[in-house]
Amino acid sequence: MKKYLILLAVPLFLIGCTGDQQKKEKSTQAKVIPQAEKDLLSKAQMFFKVLPTEAVNPENPLTEAKVKLGKILYYDNRLSKDETQSCNTCHNLATYGVDNLPTSPGDNGIPGTRNSPTVLNAAFKTAQFWDGRNKDVEEQAGGPILNPAEMAIPHEQFLLDRLKKTELYPPLFTAAYPGEENPFTYKNVRFAIAAFERILITPSKFDDYLANNIDALNEQEKKGLKTFMDVGCIACHTGNVLGGTMLQKFPLFGEYRDYIPEGKIDYGKFEDTKVEADKFMFFVPLLRNVEKTAPYFHDGSIVDLGESIRIMGKSELNKDLSDEQVNDIVTFMKTLTGEVATDWQIVPEELN
């Protein structure tokens, strides 16, 4: 009887081995990727980079205590003269780092003249503001607080005195800047806010694609990526945030009023420098999360993403983009939308 059981077991063992081997061979077979797909990915990797996991500034090392202080400052209305607004008022982290207004009202309730760009991933830009006048988020963080048209704090010491009088801030500043005899400085305010802003990084499925996951994008999204590159958008929108690296004239083709027919003419960087060559020079915005950050342009005059693409095609490339091209590019741009961490959107309990 044992002999027959052994004879029966041998064929079953062989069948099992054969099945396992076939599964193994099937799983190890490489997916055949069309050459056109490989070429598209290779070209994309030439112009775009995976979003880094850290936005590093050696002059402002990140610590848990500094980021905590920065987030509390970011949400605190006491950073405006009449305590009507915080950094988050104009750069609302619940709505992708913007307020979705053409221009944002200041402490006095009067709207400014330029659209508030998203704070998400802004630390990767090589300059800040629409005219690129600040080199990094550390410089930028201090500007709106003292700007009369924005948060309107009269001077640095005014803010420092206000914060010192609270029970909240003295221990937070001491913890964030250990070893400093006087941690209450305006530089430390700026650097703490910037430290918080440096963690606001939102990778998307486009990063998965750039990291060689060719299936991360569907066929329509890949078509949009190809159109984006082929029509010439990569002249300005490259790198890990697809922009944010240069000043560019708007418009290169035609006149300003051809595209911005109403409102005050904005001369761009010239408004700050008064240098003739800086007329109509604006810092190229990043495109990360762009589908969520309407309205568009420096004055927030364009609500629709497709319309903004059409205008840029004509004003910067002198091309009349077809409806199909515009729709394809919009489809691709939606792959740049990442996730805003829930924790970033919650007002710190210390302020409640």
Protein backbone atom coordinates (compact mmCIF):
# COMPACT_ATOMS: atom_id res chain seq x y z
CA MET A 1 0.00 0.00 0.00
CA LYS A 2 2.83 2.36 0.86
CA LYS A 3 4.38 1.64 -2.54
CA TYR A 4 1.24 2.81 -4.36
CA LEU A 5 1.00 5.97 -2.26
CA ILE A 6 4.58 6.86 -3.10
CA LEU A 7 3.97 6.30 -6.81
CA LEU A 8 0.90 8.55 -6.69
CA ALA A 9 2.78 11.27 -4.82
CA VAL A 10 5.58 11.52 -7.37
CA PRO A 11 3.38 12.74 -10.28
CA LEU A 12 1.58 15.16 -7.98
CA PHE A 13 4.95 16.54 -6.82
CA LEU A 14 6.11 16.94 -10.41
CA ILE A 15 2.88 18.74 -11.37
CA GLY A 16 3.29 21.08 -8.41
CA CYS A 17 6.90 21.87 -9.33
CA THR A 18 5.99 22.48 -12.95
CA GLY A 19 3.19 24.86 -11.95
CA ASP A 20 5.46 26.78 -9.59
CA GLN A 21 8.12 27.04 -12.27
CA GLN A 22 5.61 28.37 -14.81
CA LYS A 23 4.39 30.99 -12.32
CA LYS A 24 7.95 32.01 -11.59
CA GLU A 25 8.80 32.33 -15.27
CA LYS A 26 5.63 34.34 -15.92
CA SER A 27 6.36 36.70 -13.01
CA THR A 28 9.91 37.31 -14.14
CA GLN A 29 9.03 38.04 -17.74
CA ALA A 30 9.73 41.72 -18.37
CA LYS A 31 6.85 43.83 -19.61
CA VAL A 32 7.37 44.82 -23.21
CA ILE A 33 7.40 48.63 -23.28
CA PRO A 34 7.00 50.31 -26.66
CA GLN A 35 10.00 52.38 -27.72
CA ALA A 36 7.86 55.51 -27.96
CA GLU A 37 6.96 55.11 -24.28
CA LYS A 38 10.62 54.70 -23.34
CA ASP A 39 11.56 57.76 -25.37
CA LEU A 40 8.85 59.87 -23.73
CA LEU A 41 10.02 58.91 -20.25
CA SER A 42 13.66 59.55 -21.14
CA LYS A 43 12.83 62.99 -22.50
CA ALA A 44 10.74 63.81 -19.43
CA GLN A 45 13.62 62.79 -17.17
CA MET A 46 15.87 65.22 -19.05
CA PHE A 47 13.68 68.22 -18.24
CA PHE A 48 11.98 67.31 -14.96
CA LYS A 49 13.24 65.95 -11.66
CA VAL A 50 11.63 63.92 -8.91
CA LEU A 51 10.54 66.19 -6.08
CA PRO A 52 13.10 65.86 -3.26
CA THR A 53 11.94 64.67 0.14
CA GLU A 54 13.72 67.59 1.85
CA ALA A 55 14.08 71.29 1.10
CA VAL A 56 17.44 71.96 2.70
CA ASN A 57 19.05 75.25 3.65
CA PRO A 58 22.34 74.75 5.56
CA GLU A 59 21.87 78.18 7.13
CA ASN A 60 18.54 77.09 8.61
CA PRO A 61 18.76 73.48 9.80
CA LEU A 62 15.37 71.97 10.57
CA THR A 63 14.57 70.81 14.09
CA GLU A 64 11.28 69.64 15.53
CA ALA A 65 11.18 72.58 17.93
CA LYS A 66 11.86 75.13 15.18
CA VAL A 67 9.24 73.67 12.84
CA LYS A 68 6.71 73.64 15.70
CA LEU A 69 7.39 77.31 16.45
CA GLY A 70 7.19 78.12 12.74
CA LYS A 71 3.80 76.48 12.34
CA ILE A 72 2.37 78.37 15.34
CA LEU A 73 3.71 81.66 13.98
CA TYR A 74 2.34 80.81 10.53
CA TYR A 75 -1.18 80.50 11.95
CA ASP A 76 -1.04 83.37 14.47
CA ASN A 77 -3.06 86.52 13.70
CA ARG A 78 -0.81 88.46 16.06
CA LEU A 79 1.65 88.73 13.19
CA SER A 80 -0.59 91.43 11.67
CA LYS A 81 -1.03 94.89 13.17
CA ASP A 82 -4.73 94.69 13.95
CA GLU A 83 -4.58 90.91 14.45
CA THR A 84 -6.88 90.30 11.49
CA GLN A 85 -4.80 87.80 9.56
CA SER A 86 -2.00 85.27 9.62
CA CYS A 87 0.28 83.83 6.95
CA ASN A 88 -2.35 81.14 6.48
CA THR A 89 -4.99 83.74 5.63
CA CYS A 90 -3.47 84.33 2.20
CA HIS A 91 -1.64 81.00 1.93
CA ASN A 92 -4.34 78.68 3.22
CA LEU A 93 -2.99 75.17 3.62
CA ALA A 94 -6.54 73.76 3.49
CA THR A 95 -6.80 75.07 -0.09
CA TYR A 96 -3.37 74.14 -1.43
CA GLY A 97 -1.51 77.11 0.01
CA VAL A 98 -3.57 79.87 -1.63
CA ASP A 99 -6.78 81.78 -0.87
CA ASN A 100 -8.21 81.42 -4.41
CA LEU A 101 -8.69 85.20 -4.65
CA PRO A 102 -7.34 87.38 -7.47
CA THR A 103 -5.42 89.45 -4.91
CA SER A 104 -5.50 89.16 -1.13
CA PRO A 105 -6.79 91.81 1.29
CA GLY A 106 -4.27 93.22 3.75
CA ASP A 107 -4.64 93.92 7.46
CA ASN A 108 -6.70 96.98 6.53
CA GLY A 109 -9.04 94.96 4.32
CA ILE A 110 -7.83 96.53 1.07
CA PRO A 111 -6.83 94.04 -1.67
CA GLY A 112 -3.22 94.07 -2.82
CA THR A 113 -2.03 94.26 -6.40
CA ARG A 114 -0.60 90.77 -6.98
CA ASN A 115 -1.91 87.26 -6.62
CA SER A 116 -0.72 85.25 -3.60
CA PRO A 117 1.25 82.25 -4.94
CA THR A 118 1.13 78.88 -3.25
CA VAL A 119 3.48 78.25 -0.34
CA LEU A 120 3.55 74.50 -1.10
CA ASN A 121 6.95 73.46 -2.51
CA ALA A 122 7.94 77.14 -2.64
CA ALA A 123 11.17 76.38 -0.81
CA PHE A 124 12.48 74.76 -4.00
CA LYS A 125 12.15 77.98 -6.00
CA THR A 126 15.36 79.91 -6.61
CA ALA A 127 13.70 83.22 -5.73
CA GLN A 128 10.47 84.42 -4.14
CA PHE A 129 7.70 86.89 -5.01
CA TRP A 130 6.43 87.68 -8.50
CA ASP A 131 9.46 89.89 -9.11
CA GLY A 132 11.97 87.48 -7.58
CA ARG A 133 13.26 90.09 -5.13
CA ASN A 134 13.97 87.62 -2.29
CA LYS A 135 16.35 84.71 -2.67
CA ASP A 136 14.62 82.18 -0.40
CA VAL A 137 11.72 81.53 1.96
CA GLU A 138 13.80 82.79 4.89
CA GLU A 139 13.93 86.26 3.32
CA GLN A 140 10.37 86.08 2.03
CA ALA A 141 8.84 85.16 5.39
CA GLY A 142 9.67 88.55 6.88
CA GLY A 143 8.44 90.73 4.01
CA PRO A 144 4.62 90.59 4.25
CA ILE A 145 4.68 91.06 8.04
CA LEU A 146 6.22 94.54 7.68
CA ASN A 147 4.52 95.50 4.41
CA PRO A 148 1.98 98.33 5.07
CA ALA A 149 -0.32 96.90 2.41
CA GLU A 150 -0.19 93.39 3.85
CA MET A 151 0.20 92.54 7.56
CA ALA A 152 1.25 96.10 8.41
CA ILE A 153 3.37 95.52 11.53
CA PRO A 154 5.02 98.95 12.03
CA HIS A 155 8.53 97.65 12.72
CA GLU A 156 10.38 94.52 13.86
CA GLN A 157 10.56 95.42 17.55
CA PHE A 158 6.80 96.01 17.64
CA LEU A 159 6.22 92.36 16.78
CA LEU A 160 8.95 91.05 19.08
CA ASP A 161 7.56 93.00 22.04
CA ARG A 162 4.06 91.68 21.31
CA LEU A 163 5.25 88.06 21.22
CA LYS A 164 7.43 88.43 24.33
CA LYS A 165 4.42 89.51 26.39
CA THR A 166 2.64 86.21 25.81
CA GLU A 167 3.02 83.10 27.95
CA LEU A 168 3.17 81.04 24.78
CA TYR A 169 6.23 82.24 22.92
CA PRO A 170 9.18 82.63 25.35
CA PRO A 171 9.57 78.86 25.96
CA LEU A 172 8.98 78.09 22.27
CA PHE A 173 11.73 80.46 21.13
CA THR A 174 14.10 79.11 23.79
CA ALA A 175 13.45 75.54 22.66
CA ALA A 176 13.80 76.41 18.96
CA TYR A 177 17.05 78.34 19.41
CA PRO A 178 18.85 76.67 22.33
CA GLY A 179 22.03 78.30 23.50
CA GLU A 180 21.16 81.75 22.15
CA GLU A 181 21.30 84.46 24.79
CA ASN A 182 18.45 86.31 23.10
CA PRO A 183 16.38 83.98 20.91
CA PHE A 184 13.77 86.74 20.36
CA THR A 185 15.04 88.23 17.10
CA TYR A 186 13.23 89.03 13.90
CA LYS A 187 15.63 86.77 12.01
CA ASN A 188 14.55 83.89 14.23
CA VAL A 189 10.90 84.68 13.47
CA ARG A 190 11.67 84.52 9.76
CA PHE A 191 13.73 81.36 10.01
CA ALA A 192 11.13 79.54 12.11
CA ILE A 193 8.33 80.29 9.63
CA ALA A 194 10.63 79.26 6.79
CA ALA A 195 11.50 76.02 8.60
CA PHE A 196 7.79 75.12 8.64
CA GLU A 197 7.45 76.10 4.98
CA ARG A 198 10.38 73.84 4.10
CA ILE A 199 8.43 70.74 5.11
CA LEU A 200 5.45 71.61 2.87
CA ILE A 201 6.37 69.20 0.08
CA THR A 202 3.69 67.47 -2.04
CA PRO A 203 4.93 64.68 -4.32
CA SER A 204 2.46 63.34 -6.88
CA LYS A 205 2.10 60.44 -9.28
CA PHE A 206 4.22 62.36 -11.78
CA ASP A 207 7.16 61.72 -9.45
CA ASP A 208 6.38 58.00 -9.55
CA TYR A 209 6.49 58.21 -13.32
CA LEU A 210 9.82 60.05 -13.32
CA ALA A 211 11.15 57.35 -10.97
CA ASN A 212 10.63 54.81 -13.79
CA ASN A 213 7.11 53.65 -12.96
CA ILE A 214 5.94 54.00 -16.53
CA ASP A 215 2.40 52.94 -15.61
CA ALA A 216 1.98 55.75 -13.07
CA LEU A 217 0.43 57.88 -15.84
CA ASN A 218 -2.35 56.72 -18.12
CA GLU A 219 -2.29 57.13 -21.89
CA GLN A 220 -4.15 60.46 -21.87
CA GLU A 221 -1.82 61.89 -19.23
CA LYS A 222 1.23 60.77 -21.20
CA LYS A 223 -0.24 62.39 -24.29
CA GLY A 224 -0.60 65.60 -22.31
CA LEU A 225 3.00 65.36 -21.10
CA LYS A 226 4.19 64.92 -24.69
CA THR A 227 2.14 67.91 -25.82
CA PHE A 228 3.47 70.02 -22.93
CA MET A 229 7.04 69.30 -24.04
CA ASP A 230 6.46 69.42 -27.79
CA VAL A 231 4.75 72.83 -27.88
CA GLY A 232 7.61 74.39 -25.88
CA CYS A 233 6.32 74.84 -22.31
CA ILE A 234 9.65 73.40 -21.17
CA ALA A 235 11.35 76.65 -22.18
CA CYS A 236 10.40 77.93 -18.71
CA HIS A 237 8.69 75.14 -16.78
CA THR A 238 11.31 72.52 -15.92
CA GLY A 239 13.03 71.10 -12.85
CA ASN A 240 11.46 69.51 -9.79
CA VAL A 241 8.64 72.04 -9.40
CA LEU A 242 8.23 72.75 -13.14
CA GLY A 243 9.16 76.42 -12.94
CA GLY A 244 10.34 78.75 -10.22
CA THR A 245 13.86 79.20 -11.57
CA MET A 246 13.89 82.31 -13.76
CA LEU A 247 12.50 85.70 -14.62
CA GLN A 248 10.72 85.90 -17.97
CA LYS A 249 9.09 88.71 -19.88
CA PHE A 250 5.31 88.76 -20.12
CA PRO A 251 4.39 88.97 -22.88
CA LEU A 252 7.17 88.01 -25.25
CA PHE A 253 4.76 88.38 -28.16
CA GLY A 254 2.17 91.14 -28.40
CA GLU A 255 1.43 93.81 -25.83
CA TYR A 256 0.50 93.58 -22.16
CA ARG A 257 -3.03 94.88 -22.82
CA ASP A 258 -3.60 92.13 -25.39
CA TYR A 259 -3.75 89.66 -22.51
CA ILE A 260 -4.53 91.78 -19.42
CA PRO A 261 -7.13 94.20 -20.80
CA GLU A 262 -8.28 95.65 -17.48
CA GLY A 263 -6.80 96.98 -14.27
CA LYS A 264 -3.52 98.75 -13.58
CA ILE A 265 -0.60 97.83 -15.81
CA ASP A 266 1.93 95.88 -13.76
CA TYR A 267 5.50 96.44 -14.96
CA GLY A 268 6.84 93.47 -13.02
CA LYS A 269 10.34 93.69 -11.57
CA PHE A 270 10.62 97.26 -12.89
CA GLU A 271 8.17 98.33 -10.16
CA ASP A 272 10.89 97.51 -7.61
CA THR A 273 14.14 98.29 -9.45
CA LYS A 274 13.14 101.07 -11.90
CA VAL A 275 15.60 99.47 -14.35
CA GLU A 276 14.27 99.67 -17.90
CA ALA A 277 15.39 96.12 -18.74
CA ASP A 278 13.20 94.83 -15.90
CA LYS A 279 9.95 96.06 -17.45
CA PHE A 280 7.35 93.28 -17.60
CA MET A 281 9.76 90.75 -16.09
CA PHE A 282 7.99 88.28 -13.80
CA PHE A 283 9.27 85.25 -11.95
CA VAL A 284 8.03 82.07 -13.60
CA PRO A 285 5.61 80.32 -11.21
CA LEU A 286 5.90 76.65 -10.28
CA LEU A 287 3.25 74.30 -11.65
CA ARG A 288 2.97 71.86 -8.77
CA ASN A 289 -0.72 71.61 -7.69
CA VAL A 290 -1.59 74.16 -10.37
CA GLU A 291 -5.11 72.79 -10.91
CA LYS A 292 -5.88 73.75 -7.29
CA THR A 293 -4.33 77.23 -7.18
CA ALA A 294 -6.61 79.35 -9.38
CA PRO A 295 -6.91 82.16 -10.26
CA TYR A 296 -3.79 82.54 -12.39
CA PHE A 297 -1.20 85.11 -13.46
CA HIS A 298 0.41 87.83 -11.37
CA ASP A 299 -2.89 89.70 -11.03
CA GLY A 300 -5.15 86.67 -10.64
CA SER A 301 -7.12 87.76 -13.68
CA ILE A 302 -7.63 84.33 -15.23
CA VAL A 303 -9.86 81.80 -13.47
CA ASP A 304 -9.75 78.90 -15.93
CA LEU A 305 -6.58 76.77 -16.20
CA GLY A 306 -7.22 75.97 -19.84
CA GLU A 307 -7.57 79.65 -20.69
CA SER A 308 -4.31 80.46 -18.90
CA ILE A 309 -2.55 77.78 -20.98
CA ARG A 310 -4.00 79.21 -24.17
CA ILE A 311 -2.84 82.71 -23.24
CA MET A 312 0.66 81.54 -22.35
CA GLY A 313 0.90 79.63 -25.60
CA LYS A 314 0.22 82.82 -27.54
CA SER A 315 2.02 85.35 -25.32
CA GLU A 316 5.20 83.33 -24.70
CA LEU A 317 5.43 80.92 -27.64
CA ASN A 318 3.44 82.79 -30.30
CA LYS A 319 1.36 79.66 -30.85
CA ASP A 320 -2.39 79.32 -31.19
CA LEU A 321 -2.95 76.12 -29.26
CA SER A 322 -5.86 73.96 -30.36
CA ASP A 323 -8.61 72.86 -27.99
CA GLU A 324 -7.15 69.36 -28.07
CA GLN A 325 -3.68 70.59 -27.13
CA VAL A 326 -5.04 72.71 -24.29
CA ASN A 327 -7.14 69.86 -22.92
CA ASP A 328 -4.19 67.46 -23.15
CA ILE A 329 -1.94 69.84 -21.22
CA VAL A 330 -4.61 70.36 -18.55
CA THR A 331 -4.84 66.58 -18.19
CA PHE A 332 -1.09 66.35 -17.70
CA MET A 333 -1.02 69.23 -15.22
CA LYS A 334 -3.50 67.40 -13.00
CA THR A 335 -0.84 64.72 -12.46
CA LEU A 336 1.16 67.38 -10.58
CA THR A 337 -1.41 67.52 -7.78
CA GLY A 338 -0.10 66.03 -4.56
CA GLU A 339 -1.54 65.49 -1.10
CA VAL A 340 -1.60 68.21 1.55
CA ALA A 341 -0.93 66.51 4.88
CA THR A 342 -3.85 66.79 7.31
CA ASP A 343 -1.55 67.93 10.10
CA TRP A 344 -0.46 70.97 8.10
CA GLN A 345 -4.07 72.10 7.79
CA ILE A 346 -4.88 71.98 11.51
CA VAL A 347 -4.58 75.18 13.51
CA PRO A 348 -2.08 74.53 16.33
CA GLU A 349 -3.84 73.76 19.58
CA GLU A 350 -1.67 76.36 21.32
CA LEU A 351 -3.63 79.08 19.49
CA ASN A 352 -7.09 77.78 20.42
